[in-house]
Amino acid sequence: MQTNRTFTMIKPDAVANGHIGGIIDQITKAGFKIVAMKYTSLSTEMAGKFYEVHAERPFYKDLVSFMSSGPIVAAILEKDNAIEDFRKLIGATDPQKAEAGTIRNLFAKSIDANAIHGSDSDENAQIEGNFFFNAFERA
């Protein structure tokens, strides 16, 4: 089931460094419509639940700690070919390997503090969007 929606989170590092506006500008200039958006914080428990798919991985505890370290901006975005286009827009996980002009190339500091999350599939976009937003919070 392919959709035209994806989910993103501006991570605590990018929020703390004042990059919310710049990142949202990149997103809207790339033709994405914001369907839902909120500025919020994740507790350790919520971050653990969101990333539970990675619970067995060695980086899980550090990821949960990082994602609960400060405010985030969660959003559902809409555009034709949303998943693939957004993954191209954000760039490689490692900002050193991210293509010039991508969000991670412009705003991320490291592979761990990589500024932004983007869903990797239609199924995960729906799960992740539902984690943060109910039906009444979506345009």
C-alpha atoms as a PDB file:
ATOM      1  CA  MET A   1       0.000   0.000   0.000  1.00  0.00           C
ATOM      2  CA  GLN A   2       1.812   3.098  -1.222  1.00  0.00           C
ATOM      3  CA  THR A   3       0.662   6.427   0.173  1.00  0.00           C
ATOM      4  CA  ASN A   4       1.522  10.042  -0.386  1.00  0.00           C
ATOM      5  CA  ARG A   5       2.318  10.729   3.280  1.00  0.00           C
ATOM      6  CA  THR A   6       5.405  10.378   5.420  1.00  0.00           C
ATOM      7  CA  PHE A   7       6.361  11.114   9.006  1.00  0.00           C
ATOM      8  CA  THR A   8       9.276  13.191  10.239  1.00  0.00           C
ATOM      9  CA  MET A   9      10.769  14.392  13.491  1.00  0.00           C
ATOM     10  CA  ILE A  10      13.157  17.281  13.892  1.00  0.00           C
ATOM     11  CA  LYS A  11      15.448  15.844  16.554  1.00  0.00           C
ATOM     12  CA  PRO A  12      16.600  17.456  19.827  1.00  0.00           C
ATOM     13  CA  ASP A  13      19.979  18.529  18.429  1.00  0.00           C
ATOM     14  CA  ALA A  14      18.434  20.500  15.568  1.00  0.00           C
ATOM     15  CA  VAL A  15      15.790  22.026  17.861  1.00  0.00           C
ATOM     16  CA  ALA A  16      18.448  23.073  20.404  1.00  0.00           C
ATOM     17  CA  ASN A  17      20.575  24.595  17.638  1.00  0.00           C
ATOM     18  CA  GLY A  18      17.698  26.744  16.342  1.00  0.00           C
ATOM     19  CA  HIS A  19      17.188  24.903  13.050  1.00  0.00           C
ATOM     20  CA  ILE A  20      13.406  24.336  13.153  1.00  0.00           C
ATOM     21  CA  GLY A  21      12.637  27.204  10.772  1.00  0.00           C
ATOM     22  CA  GLY A  22      15.421  26.355   8.334  1.00  0.00           C
ATOM     23  CA  ILE A  23      14.408  22.692   8.196  1.00  0.00           C
ATOM     24  CA  ILE A  24      10.708  23.464   7.735  1.00  0.00           C
ATOM     25  CA  ASP A  25      11.660  25.917   4.997  1.00  0.00           C
ATOM     26  CA  GLN A  26      13.587  23.158   3.176  1.00  0.00           C
ATOM     27  CA  ILE A  27      10.621  20.793   3.549  1.00  0.00           C
ATOM     28  CA  THR A  28       8.030  23.215   2.183  1.00  0.00           C
ATOM     29  CA  LYS A  29      10.297  24.417  -0.637  1.00  0.00           C
ATOM     30  CA  ALA A  30      10.610  20.755  -1.692  1.00  0.00           C
ATOM     31  CA  GLY A  31       6.833  20.697  -2.214  1.00  0.00           C
ATOM     32  CA  PHE A  32       5.706  18.912   0.948  1.00  0.00           C
ATOM     33  CA  LYS A  33       2.448  19.975   2.591  1.00  0.00           C
ATOM     34  CA  ILE A  34       2.374  19.844   6.388  1.00  0.00           C
ATOM     35  CA  VAL A  35      -0.678  17.783   7.370  1.00  0.00           C
ATOM     36  CA  ALA A  36       0.033  17.778  11.127  1.00  0.00           C
ATOM     37  CA  MET A  37       2.772  19.243  13.285  1.00  0.00           C
ATOM     38  CA  LYS A  38       3.568  19.607  16.982  1.00  0.00           C
ATOM     39  CA  TYR A  39       6.383  20.788  19.225  1.00  0.00           C
ATOM     40  CA  THR A  40       6.685  18.316  22.071  1.00  0.00           C
ATOM     41  CA  SER A  41       9.074  16.255  24.183  1.00  0.00           C
ATOM     42  CA  LEU A  42       9.477  12.517  24.497  1.00  0.00           C
ATOM     43  CA  SER A  43       9.842  10.924  27.908  1.00  0.00           C
ATOM     44  CA  THR A  44      12.353   8.081  28.154  1.00  0.00           C
ATOM     45  CA  GLU A  45       9.417   5.664  28.106  1.00  0.00           C
ATOM     46  CA  MET A  46       7.849   7.217  25.015  1.00  0.00           C
ATOM     47  CA  ALA A  47      11.182   7.319  23.155  1.00  0.00           C
ATOM     48  CA  GLY A  48      11.735   3.678  24.107  1.00  0.00           C
ATOM     49  CA  LYS A  49       8.342   2.708  22.743  1.00  0.00           C
ATOM     50  CA  PHE A  50       8.812   4.697  19.535  1.00  0.00           C
ATOM     51  CA  TYR A  51      12.180   3.052  18.866  1.00  0.00           C
ATOM     52  CA  GLU A  52      11.322  -0.406  20.274  1.00  0.00           C
ATOM     53  CA  VAL A  53      11.988  -1.925  16.838  1.00  0.00           C
ATOM     54  CA  HIS A  54      15.673  -1.243  17.627  1.00  0.00           C
ATOM     55  CA  ALA A  55      15.566  -2.585  21.217  1.00  0.00           C
ATOM     56  CA  GLU A  56      18.062  -5.365  20.544  1.00  0.00           C
ATOM     57  CA  ARG A  57      20.567  -3.111  18.771  1.00  0.00           C
ATOM     58  CA  PRO A  58      23.648  -1.813  20.594  1.00  0.00           C
ATOM     59  CA  PHE A  59      22.734   1.854  19.999  1.00  0.00           C
ATOM     60  CA  TYR A  60      19.178   1.590  21.418  1.00  0.00           C
ATOM     61  CA  LYS A  61      19.848   2.987  24.917  1.00  0.00           C
ATOM     62  CA  ASP A  62      21.872   5.925  23.574  1.00  0.00           C
ATOM     63  CA  LEU A  63      19.173   6.638  20.964  1.00  0.00           C
ATOM     64  CA  VAL A  64      16.411   6.643  23.596  1.00  0.00           C
ATOM     65  CA  SER A  65      18.489   8.882  25.852  1.00  0.00           C
ATOM     66  CA  PHE A  66      19.231  11.296  22.996  1.00  0.00           C
ATOM     67  CA  MET A  67      15.636  11.454  21.760  1.00  0.00           C
ATOM     68  CA  SER A  68      14.351  12.203  25.266  1.00  0.00           C
ATOM     69  CA  SER A  69      17.048  14.841  25.930  1.00  0.00           C
ATOM     70  CA  GLY A  70      15.053  17.814  24.660  1.00  0.00           C
ATOM     71  CA  PRO A  71      12.080  18.995  22.597  1.00  0.00           C
ATOM     72  CA  ILE A  72      11.343  17.641  19.120  1.00  0.00           C
ATOM     73  CA  VAL A  73       9.033  18.673  16.295  1.00  0.00           C
ATOM     74  CA  ALA A  74       6.895  15.842  14.916  1.00  0.00           C
ATOM     75  CA  ALA A  75       5.092  16.205  11.584  1.00  0.00           C
ATOM     76  CA  ILE A  76       3.128  14.332   8.962  1.00  0.00           C
ATOM     77  CA  LEU A  77       3.947  15.467   5.443  1.00  0.00           C
ATOM     78  CA  GLU A  78       2.115  14.972   2.165  1.00  0.00           C
ATOM     79  CA  LYS A  79       3.410  14.868  -1.395  1.00  0.00           C
ATOM     80  CA  ASP A  80       3.354  12.454  -4.319  1.00  0.00           C
ATOM     81  CA  ASN A  81       6.072   9.826  -3.766  1.00  0.00           C
ATOM     82  CA  ALA A  82       6.442  11.152  -0.203  1.00  0.00           C
ATOM     83  CA  ILE A  83       8.664   8.443   1.320  1.00  0.00           C
ATOM     84  CA  GLU A  84      11.279   8.319  -1.430  1.00  0.00           C
ATOM     85  CA  ASP A  85      11.328  12.072  -2.043  1.00  0.00           C
ATOM     86  CA  PHE A  86      11.675  12.848   1.664  1.00  0.00           C
ATOM     87  CA  ARG A  87      14.499  10.328   2.140  1.00  0.00           C
ATOM     88  CA  LYS A  88      16.352  12.071  -0.710  1.00  0.00           C
ATOM     89  CA  LEU A  89      15.667  15.486   0.853  1.00  0.00           C
ATOM     90  CA  ILE A  90      17.055  14.542   4.265  1.00  0.00           C
ATOM     91  CA  GLY A  91      20.163  12.768   2.949  1.00  0.00           C
ATOM     92  CA  ALA A  92      22.320   9.994   4.359  1.00  0.00           C
ATOM     93  CA  THR A  93      22.225   9.255   8.101  1.00  0.00           C
ATOM     94  CA  ASP A  94      25.868  10.283   8.355  1.00  0.00           C
ATOM     95  CA  PRO A  95      25.962  14.001   7.496  1.00  0.00           C
ATOM     96  CA  GLN A  96      29.547  13.581   6.249  1.00  0.00           C
ATOM     97  CA  LYS A  97      28.142  11.293   3.532  1.00  0.00           C
ATOM     98  CA  ALA A  98      24.968  13.296   2.903  1.00  0.00           C
ATOM     99  CA  GLU A  99      24.662  14.931  -0.490  1.00  0.00           C
ATOM    100  CA  ALA A 100      25.250  18.700  -0.597  1.00  0.00           C
ATOM    101  CA  GLY A 101      22.087  20.685   0.081  1.00  0.00           C
ATOM    102  CA  THR A 102      20.267  17.888   1.946  1.00  0.00           C
ATOM    103  CA  ILE A 103      18.857  18.627   5.389  1.00  0.00           C
ATOM    104  CA  ARG A 104      21.448  16.486   7.168  1.00  0.00           C
ATOM    105  CA  ASN A 105      24.264  18.010   5.132  1.00  0.00           C
ATOM    106  CA  LEU A 106      23.084  21.491   6.131  1.00  0.00           C
ATOM    107  CA  PHE A 107      21.929  20.983   9.734  1.00  0.00           C
ATOM    108  CA  ALA A 108      23.338  17.758  11.263  1.00  0.00           C
ATOM    109  CA  LYS A 109      26.521  17.536  13.319  1.00  0.00           C
ATOM    110  CA  SER A 110      27.157  13.766  13.464  1.00  0.00           C
ATOM    111  CA  ILE A 111      25.744  10.347  12.643  1.00  0.00           C
ATOM    112  CA  ASP A 112      24.157  10.313  16.122  1.00  0.00           C
ATOM    113  CA  ALA A 113      22.991  13.952  16.187  1.00  0.00           C
ATOM    114  CA  ASN A 114      21.662  13.826  12.625  1.00  0.00           C
ATOM    115  CA  ALA A 115      18.956  16.514  12.901  1.00  0.00           C
ATOM    116  CA  ILE A 116      15.950  14.686  11.453  1.00  0.00           C
ATOM    117  CA  HIS A 117      14.071  11.419  11.198  1.00  0.00           C
ATOM    118  CA  GLY A 118      12.213  10.293   8.103  1.00  0.00           C
ATOM    119  CA  SER A 119      10.047   7.188   7.742  1.00  0.00           C
ATOM    120  CA  ASP A 120      11.574   4.419   5.650  1.00  0.00           C
ATOM    121  CA  SER A 121       8.314   2.849   4.410  1.00  0.00           C
ATOM    122  CA  ASP A 122       4.613   3.559   3.987  1.00  0.00           C
ATOM    123  CA  GLU A 123       3.827   1.134   6.796  1.00  0.00           C
ATOM    124  CA  ASN A 124       6.251   2.817   9.213  1.00  0.00           C
ATOM    125  CA  ALA A 125       5.032   6.285   8.197  1.00  0.00           C
ATOM    126  CA  GLN A 126       1.514   5.298   9.222  1.00  0.00           C
ATOM    127  CA  ILE A 127       2.663   3.686  12.499  1.00  0.00           C
ATOM    128  CA  GLU A 128       4.897   6.640  13.376  1.00  0.00           C
ATOM    129  CA  GLY A 129       2.291   9.249  12.455  1.00  0.00           C
ATOM    130  CA  ASN A 130      -0.292   7.432  14.565  1.00  0.00           C
ATOM    131  CA  PHE A 131       2.130   7.415  17.510  1.00  0.00           C
ATOM    132  CA  PHE A 132       2.051  11.223  17.640  1.00  0.00           C
ATOM    133  CA  PHE A 133      -1.245  12.327  16.064  1.00  0.00           C
ATOM    134  CA  ASN A 134      -4.909  11.410  16.329  1.00  0.00           C
ATOM    135  CA  ALA A 135      -7.382  11.934  13.471  1.00  0.00           C
ATOM    136  CA  PHE A 136      -8.487  15.354  14.781  1.00  0.00           C
ATOM    137  CA  GLU A 137      -4.930  16.716  14.658  1.00  0.00           C
ATOM    138  CA  ARG A 138      -4.527  16.154  10.910  1.00  0.00           C
ATOM    139  CA  ALA A 139      -5.502  18.527   8.129  1.00  0.00           C
END
